[in-house]
Amino acid sequence: MQRPAVVLLILGIAAAPGAALAQLAQGSNAPIDVSADQLVAQNHACVATWKGSVEALQGTARLRADTLSIYERPGGDAGQAQGSGPIQGKCGSSPQKLTADGSVYYATPQQVVKGDHAVYLADSKTITVTGDVVITQGKNVVVGDRLVIDTVTGQATMESNAKGRGAPGRVRAVVYPSSNQAGGPLGTGSAAR
């Protein structure tokens, strides 16, 4: 039995190949502005957690969540003296994982992604959004339980826990072909894969 899945490339939802790790807006060199009610930095564990109505902005991209945690690689940059790991407070400058929890909302001028939880893993270069995932682009909408984006290939897959024709809660997409604007992801000859 094949798992219900929709490849979201038709909506242009997938991140561009080679998307930078610490960026909210693709290809942007703009600073990332993070605000929250509280910031807790656990230097011994190389974790920074923003809590309470978190908002991160970069260029025209916006990320909102109840909490946002960034996990740095312990040990600092290459060439650092041996024995200077997280116990000594030496953390790397490249995140290995980012998590957003509670009312996750990510918006660009082209699309909006909502869910309950999101995780970016640097090693696998994947973004996973779970919990009542809703993606909108113009009038087009895709809903499901779990969205996985490979930022290297640009492939995105929406999955659902519901199985079988007629089962409530399956992956669902409503696409308005007439809403495809020239110059947008659908108007540039992009094909579903």
Protein backbone atom coordinates (compact mmCIF):
# COMPACT_ATOMS: atom_id res chain seq x y z
CA MET A 1 0.00 0.00 0.00
CA GLN A 2 1.39 3.40 -0.98
CA ARG A 3 1.56 6.14 1.65
CA PRO A 4 -0.63 9.14 0.84
CA ALA A 5 1.69 11.99 -0.07
CA VAL A 6 1.63 15.08 -2.21
CA VAL A 7 4.75 16.54 -3.73
CA LEU A 8 4.41 20.24 -3.13
CA LEU A 9 6.71 21.49 -5.84
CA ILE A 10 3.62 22.44 -7.83
CA LEU A 11 2.92 25.10 -5.25
CA GLY A 12 6.52 26.27 -5.00
CA ILE A 13 6.51 25.47 -1.29
CA ALA A 14 9.87 23.71 -1.17
CA ALA A 15 12.94 25.57 -0.04
CA ALA A 16 15.40 26.40 -2.77
CA PRO A 17 18.33 24.04 -3.18
CA GLY A 18 21.32 25.18 -1.16
CA ALA A 19 19.28 27.40 1.14
CA ALA A 20 21.54 28.89 3.80
CA LEU A 21 21.27 27.42 7.27
CA ALA A 22 20.83 30.53 9.35
CA GLN A 23 18.48 32.36 7.03
CA LEU A 24 14.78 32.98 7.15
CA ALA A 25 14.69 34.70 3.76
CA GLN A 26 16.23 32.84 0.82
CA GLY A 27 19.43 34.44 -0.44
CA SER A 28 19.16 37.36 1.98
CA ASN A 29 22.15 38.91 3.68
CA ALA A 30 19.89 41.04 5.87
CA PRO A 31 20.30 40.67 9.62
CA ILE A 32 17.95 38.38 11.53
CA ASP A 33 16.00 40.30 14.17
CA VAL A 34 14.65 38.06 16.97
CA SER A 35 12.38 39.33 19.74
CA ALA A 36 10.67 37.47 22.58
CA ASP A 37 9.56 37.86 26.16
CA GLN A 38 12.62 35.97 27.40
CA LEU A 39 15.95 34.59 26.17
CA VAL A 40 17.57 31.71 28.04
CA ALA A 41 21.16 30.94 27.02
CA GLN A 42 22.53 27.64 28.28
CA ASN A 43 26.19 28.04 27.38
CA HIS A 44 27.16 24.70 28.94
CA ALA A 45 24.75 22.93 26.54
CA CYS A 46 25.25 25.31 23.57
CA VAL A 47 21.51 26.10 23.41
CA ALA A 48 19.73 29.45 23.14
CA THR A 49 15.96 29.46 23.68
CA TRP A 50 13.64 32.38 23.04
CA LYS A 51 10.31 32.11 24.90
CA GLY A 52 7.01 33.94 24.71
CA SER A 53 5.57 35.37 21.50
CA VAL A 54 8.78 34.83 19.55
CA GLU A 55 9.16 36.69 16.28
CA ALA A 56 12.16 36.42 13.96
CA LEU A 57 12.37 38.71 10.93
CA GLN A 58 14.77 38.77 8.00
CA GLY A 59 14.02 40.84 4.95
CA THR A 60 10.44 40.03 3.98
CA ALA A 61 10.34 36.65 5.83
CA ARG A 62 8.76 36.23 9.25
CA LEU A 63 8.82 33.31 11.73
CA ARG A 64 6.56 33.28 14.77
CA ALA A 65 6.27 30.64 17.49
CA ASP A 66 5.75 30.28 21.22
CA THR A 67 9.39 29.13 21.60
CA LEU A 68 12.42 29.02 19.32
CA SER A 69 15.55 27.06 20.25
CA ILE A 70 18.89 27.06 18.46
CA TYR A 71 21.34 24.26 19.20
CA GLU A 72 24.97 25.04 18.32
CA ARG A 73 27.63 22.45 17.64
CA PRO A 74 29.77 21.97 20.77
CA GLY A 75 33.48 22.58 20.53
CA GLY A 76 33.64 25.81 18.59
CA ASP A 77 35.28 26.33 15.24
CA ALA A 78 37.78 23.98 13.62
CA GLY A 79 41.30 24.45 14.86
CA GLN A 80 40.21 25.22 18.40
CA ALA A 81 42.28 23.82 21.24
CA GLN A 82 41.44 20.27 22.28
CA GLY A 83 39.34 19.90 25.42
CA SER A 84 37.33 23.08 24.93
CA GLY A 85 33.85 21.62 24.51
CA PRO A 86 30.51 22.70 25.88
CA ILE A 87 31.64 22.27 29.50
CA GLN A 88 34.04 25.20 29.05
CA GLY A 89 31.32 27.22 27.28
CA LYS A 90 32.88 26.92 23.83
CA CYS A 91 30.13 26.54 21.27
CA GLY A 92 30.40 26.56 17.52
CA SER A 93 29.15 29.30 15.26
CA SER A 94 26.95 27.07 13.10
CA PRO A 95 23.62 25.73 14.36
CA GLN A 96 23.10 21.97 14.18
CA LYS A 97 19.36 22.15 14.95
CA LEU A 98 16.62 24.75 15.19
CA THR A 99 13.23 24.02 16.75
CA ALA A 100 10.08 26.13 16.83
CA ASP A 101 7.20 25.04 19.07
CA GLY A 102 3.64 26.21 19.52
CA SER A 103 1.64 28.14 16.93
CA VAL A 104 4.44 28.01 14.34
CA TYR A 105 3.88 30.54 11.55
CA TYR A 106 6.34 31.14 8.72
CA ALA A 107 5.51 33.70 6.04
CA THR A 108 7.15 35.09 2.92
CA PRO A 109 5.51 37.32 0.31
CA GLN A 110 4.75 34.15 -1.72
CA GLN A 111 3.49 31.68 0.91
CA VAL A 112 2.51 30.95 4.50
CA VAL A 113 3.21 27.71 6.42
CA LYS A 114 1.48 27.00 9.74
CA GLY A 115 1.92 24.07 12.13
CA ASP A 116 2.42 23.13 15.76
CA HIS A 117 6.12 22.19 15.64
CA ALA A 118 9.03 22.71 13.22
CA VAL A 119 12.57 21.33 13.21
CA TYR A 120 15.54 22.13 10.97
CA LEU A 121 18.39 19.57 11.06
CA ALA A 122 21.65 20.81 9.59
CA ASP A 123 23.19 17.36 9.03
CA SER A 124 20.30 16.09 6.89
CA LYS A 125 19.40 19.58 5.64
CA THR A 126 15.71 18.93 6.24
CA ILE A 127 12.87 20.98 7.63
CA THR A 128 9.99 19.05 9.21
CA VAL A 129 6.73 20.74 10.20
CA THR A 130 4.14 18.70 12.14
CA GLY A 131 0.73 19.13 13.71
CA ASP A 132 -2.16 20.44 11.62
CA VAL A 133 0.11 21.72 8.83
CA VAL A 134 -1.47 24.25 6.48
CA ILE A 135 0.31 25.80 3.51
CA THR A 136 -1.17 28.65 1.52
CA GLN A 137 0.05 30.39 -1.60
CA GLY A 138 -2.46 32.90 -2.89
CA LYS A 139 -5.77 31.00 -2.91
CA ASN A 140 -4.03 27.60 -3.15
CA VAL A 141 -4.07 25.50 0.05
CA VAL A 142 -2.48 22.19 1.10
CA VAL A 143 -3.22 20.54 4.47
CA GLY A 144 -1.77 17.49 6.20
CA ASP A 145 -0.14 16.19 9.35
CA ARG A 146 3.55 16.32 8.42
CA LEU A 147 5.56 18.36 5.90
CA VAL A 148 9.16 17.37 5.13
CA ILE A 149 11.35 19.63 2.97
CA ASP A 150 14.77 18.60 1.67
CA THR A 151 16.57 21.94 1.29
CA VAL A 152 19.24 20.42 -0.98
CA THR A 153 16.92 18.95 -3.63
CA GLY A 154 13.99 21.28 -3.01
CA GLN A 155 11.60 18.31 -2.74
CA ALA A 156 8.72 18.69 -0.30
CA THR A 157 6.35 15.94 0.83
CA MET A 158 3.12 16.36 2.77
CA GLU A 159 1.90 13.28 4.67
CA SER A 160 -1.13 12.32 6.70
CA ASN A 161 -1.80 9.70 9.33
CA ALA A 162 -5.19 8.97 7.74
CA LYS A 163 -5.25 6.13 5.20
CA GLY A 164 -7.76 5.05 2.58
CA ARG A 165 -10.23 6.71 0.25
CA GLY A 166 -12.87 8.66 2.11
CA ALA A 167 -10.96 8.69 5.41
CA PRO A 168 -11.14 12.10 7.09
CA GLY A 169 -7.86 13.92 7.59
CA ARG A 170 -6.03 12.74 4.46
CA VAL A 171 -3.63 15.08 2.65
CA ARG A 172 -5.70 17.56 0.72
CA ALA A 173 -4.87 20.28 -1.78
CA VAL A 174 -7.10 22.88 -3.36
CA VAL A 175 -5.34 24.46 -6.34
CA TYR A 176 -6.75 27.29 -8.44
CA PRO A 177 -5.06 27.06 -11.86
CA SER A 178 -6.27 30.54 -12.79
CA SER A 179 -4.40 32.00 -9.79
CA ASN A 180 -1.01 31.07 -11.27
CA GLN A 181 0.73 34.33 -11.96
CA ALA A 182 3.45 34.66 -14.59
CA GLY A 183 6.79 34.88 -12.83
CA GLY A 184 5.54 32.84 -9.88
CA PRO A 185 6.44 29.21 -9.21
CA LEU A 186 3.48 27.91 -11.21
CA GLY A 187 3.81 30.40 -14.05
CA THR A 188 7.43 29.53 -14.84
CA GLY A 189 6.89 26.10 -16.30
CA SER A 190 7.48 24.25 -13.02
CA ALA A 191 6.22 20.70 -13.25
CA ALA A 192 5.04 18.44 -10.48
CA ARG A 193 7.53 15.75 -9.60
